Protein backbone atom coordinates (compact mmCIF):
# COMPACT_ATOMS: atom_id res chain seq x y z
CA UNK A 1 75.27 121.15 106.57
CA UNK A 2 77.71 121.49 109.68
CA UNK A 3 76.04 120.98 113.16
CA UNK A 4 76.35 124.16 114.00
CA UNK A 5 73.81 125.49 111.46
CA UNK A 6 70.23 126.10 113.20
CA UNK A 7 68.39 124.32 110.56
CA UNK A 8 70.62 121.04 110.62
CA UNK A 9 69.15 118.10 112.41
CA UNK A 10 71.57 116.92 114.72
CA UNK A 11 71.68 113.59 117.10
CA UNK A 12 74.13 114.15 119.92
CA UNK A 13 75.72 110.38 120.25
CA UNK A 14 78.88 110.28 123.16
CA UNK A 15 82.05 111.39 121.36
CA UNK A 16 80.24 112.24 118.14
CA UNK A 17 77.60 114.23 116.28
CA UNK A 18 75.25 113.21 113.64
CA UNK A 19 73.94 115.65 111.21
CA UNK A 20 70.97 114.21 109.20
CA UNK A 21 72.08 114.71 105.30
CA UNK A 22 69.21 113.07 102.99
CA UNK A 23 67.58 110.24 102.17
CA UNK A 24 64.93 107.74 103.56
CA UNK A 25 65.82 104.54 103.97
CA UNK A 26 68.70 104.39 104.37
CA UNK A 27 69.12 107.84 106.28
CA UNK A 28 72.37 109.44 105.71
CA UNK A 29 74.14 110.79 108.39
CA UNK A 30 77.31 112.74 108.84
CA UNK A 31 79.71 112.00 111.50
CA UNK A 32 81.52 114.50 113.25
CA UNK A 33 83.88 114.19 115.64
CA UNK A 34 85.56 117.09 116.94
CA UNK A 35 84.25 119.66 114.74
CA UNK A 36 85.91 117.71 112.38
CA UNK A 37 83.08 115.72 109.70
CA UNK A 38 84.95 112.01 109.34
CA UNK A 39 82.04 110.30 107.16
CA UNK A 40 78.80 109.00 106.55
CA UNK A 41 77.19 106.69 108.51
CA UNK A 42 73.51 104.96 107.18
CA UNK A 43 70.13 104.54 109.21
CA UNK A 44 68.61 101.40 107.83
CA UNK A 45 64.97 99.94 109.25
CA UNK A 46 66.27 97.61 111.13
CA UNK A 47 70.11 98.75 111.63
CA UNK A 48 72.92 101.24 111.06
CA UNK A 49 75.98 100.81 109.13
CA UNK A 50 78.93 102.80 107.95
CA UNK A 51 79.78 101.35 105.05
CA UNK A 52 83.48 100.62 105.70
CA UNK A 53 83.56 97.51 107.59
CA UNK A 54 80.18 95.95 106.08
CA UNK A 55 78.54 95.31 109.42
CA UNK A 56 75.24 95.79 110.88
CA UNK A 57 75.13 97.83 113.94
CA UNK A 58 71.53 98.04 116.66
CA UNK A 59 73.09 101.75 117.62
CA UNK A 60 74.24 104.49 115.89
CA UNK A 61 76.91 105.12 118.28
CA UNK A 62 78.52 101.77 117.75
CA UNK A 63 78.25 102.60 113.82
CA UNK A 64 79.76 105.72 114.67
CA UNK A 65 82.93 103.93 116.50
CA UNK A 66 83.31 101.27 114.31
CA UNK A 67 83.63 103.83 111.47
CA UNK A 68 86.24 106.11 113.55
CA UNK A 69 88.49 102.91 114.30
CA UNK A 70 88.28 101.66 110.85
CA UNK A 71 89.62 104.75 110.11
CA UNK A 72 92.47 105.00 112.45
CA UNK A 73 93.71 101.69 111.47
CA UNK A 74 93.56 102.21 107.87
CA UNK A 75 95.78 105.88 108.48
CA UNK A 76 98.34 103.93 110.45
CA UNK A 77 99.00 100.90 107.70
CA UNK A 78 99.06 103.77 105.34
CA UNK A 79 101.16 106.18 107.09
CA UNK A 80 103.60 102.55 108.15
CA UNK A 81 103.86 101.58 104.43
CA UNK A 82 103.74 104.94 102.69
CA UNK A 83 107.18 105.54 101.21
CA UNK A 84 108.00 109.09 99.53
CA UNK A 85 107.65 109.11 95.76
CA UNK A 86 111.02 108.42 93.82
CA UNK A 87 112.16 111.06 91.76
CA UNK A 88 110.67 109.51 88.40
CA UNK A 89 107.53 109.04 90.06
CA UNK A 90 107.59 113.07 90.82
CA UNK A 91 108.68 113.86 87.38
CA UNK A 92 104.92 112.46 86.39
CA UNK A 93 102.92 114.45 88.71
CA UNK A 94 101.97 118.28 87.48
CA UNK A 95 104.45 120.71 88.81
CA UNK A 96 101.35 122.99 90.57
CA UNK A 97 100.71 119.75 93.12
CA UNK A 98 104.43 119.07 94.22
CA UNK A 99 105.48 120.71 97.50
CA UNK A 100 108.53 122.77 97.94
CA UNK A 101 110.66 119.39 99.37
CA UNK A 102 109.83 117.84 96.05
CA UNK A 103 110.92 120.28 94.15
CA UNK A 104 114.29 120.66 95.92
CA UNK A 105 114.67 116.89 95.02
CA UNK A 106 114.08 117.37 91.52
CA UNK A 107 116.64 120.37 91.41
CA UNK A 108 119.18 117.91 92.70
CA UNK A 109 118.15 115.05 90.62
CA UNK A 110 120.38 113.79 88.04
CA UNK A 111 118.59 110.97 85.96
CA UNK A 112 120.78 107.82 85.16
CA UNK A 113 120.82 107.17 81.54
CA UNK A 114 119.88 103.53 81.42
CA UNK A 115 120.23 101.29 77.76
CA UNK A 116 121.11 103.78 75.59
CA UNK A 117 122.11 103.02 72.05
CA UNK A 118 124.02 104.76 69.73
CA UNK A 119 122.46 105.76 66.56
């Protein structure tokens, strides 16, 4: 349920909107930032948590900010270390999932014969 739904239970906190999803203890809230859901945080009896950094937060805004910061760092490290797949790896993917660039790479790809033995 998006925060714009008239039946949504929404909490506004600085920079975020929390939309109640379900649960009693913990209560589950979707965290929205600039109209996009970033993930879920949890309201326990004594604290809030976000499920990614294993910390306990006193306030929902702290759990949301901790979640957001964790995801930013995860995206940066993934983007920095991510290498494009090799042609051999592309051959293992489903054809429907290949991008145009990946198709073009495969069109130009010439496999190298390795360890061939004459029969």
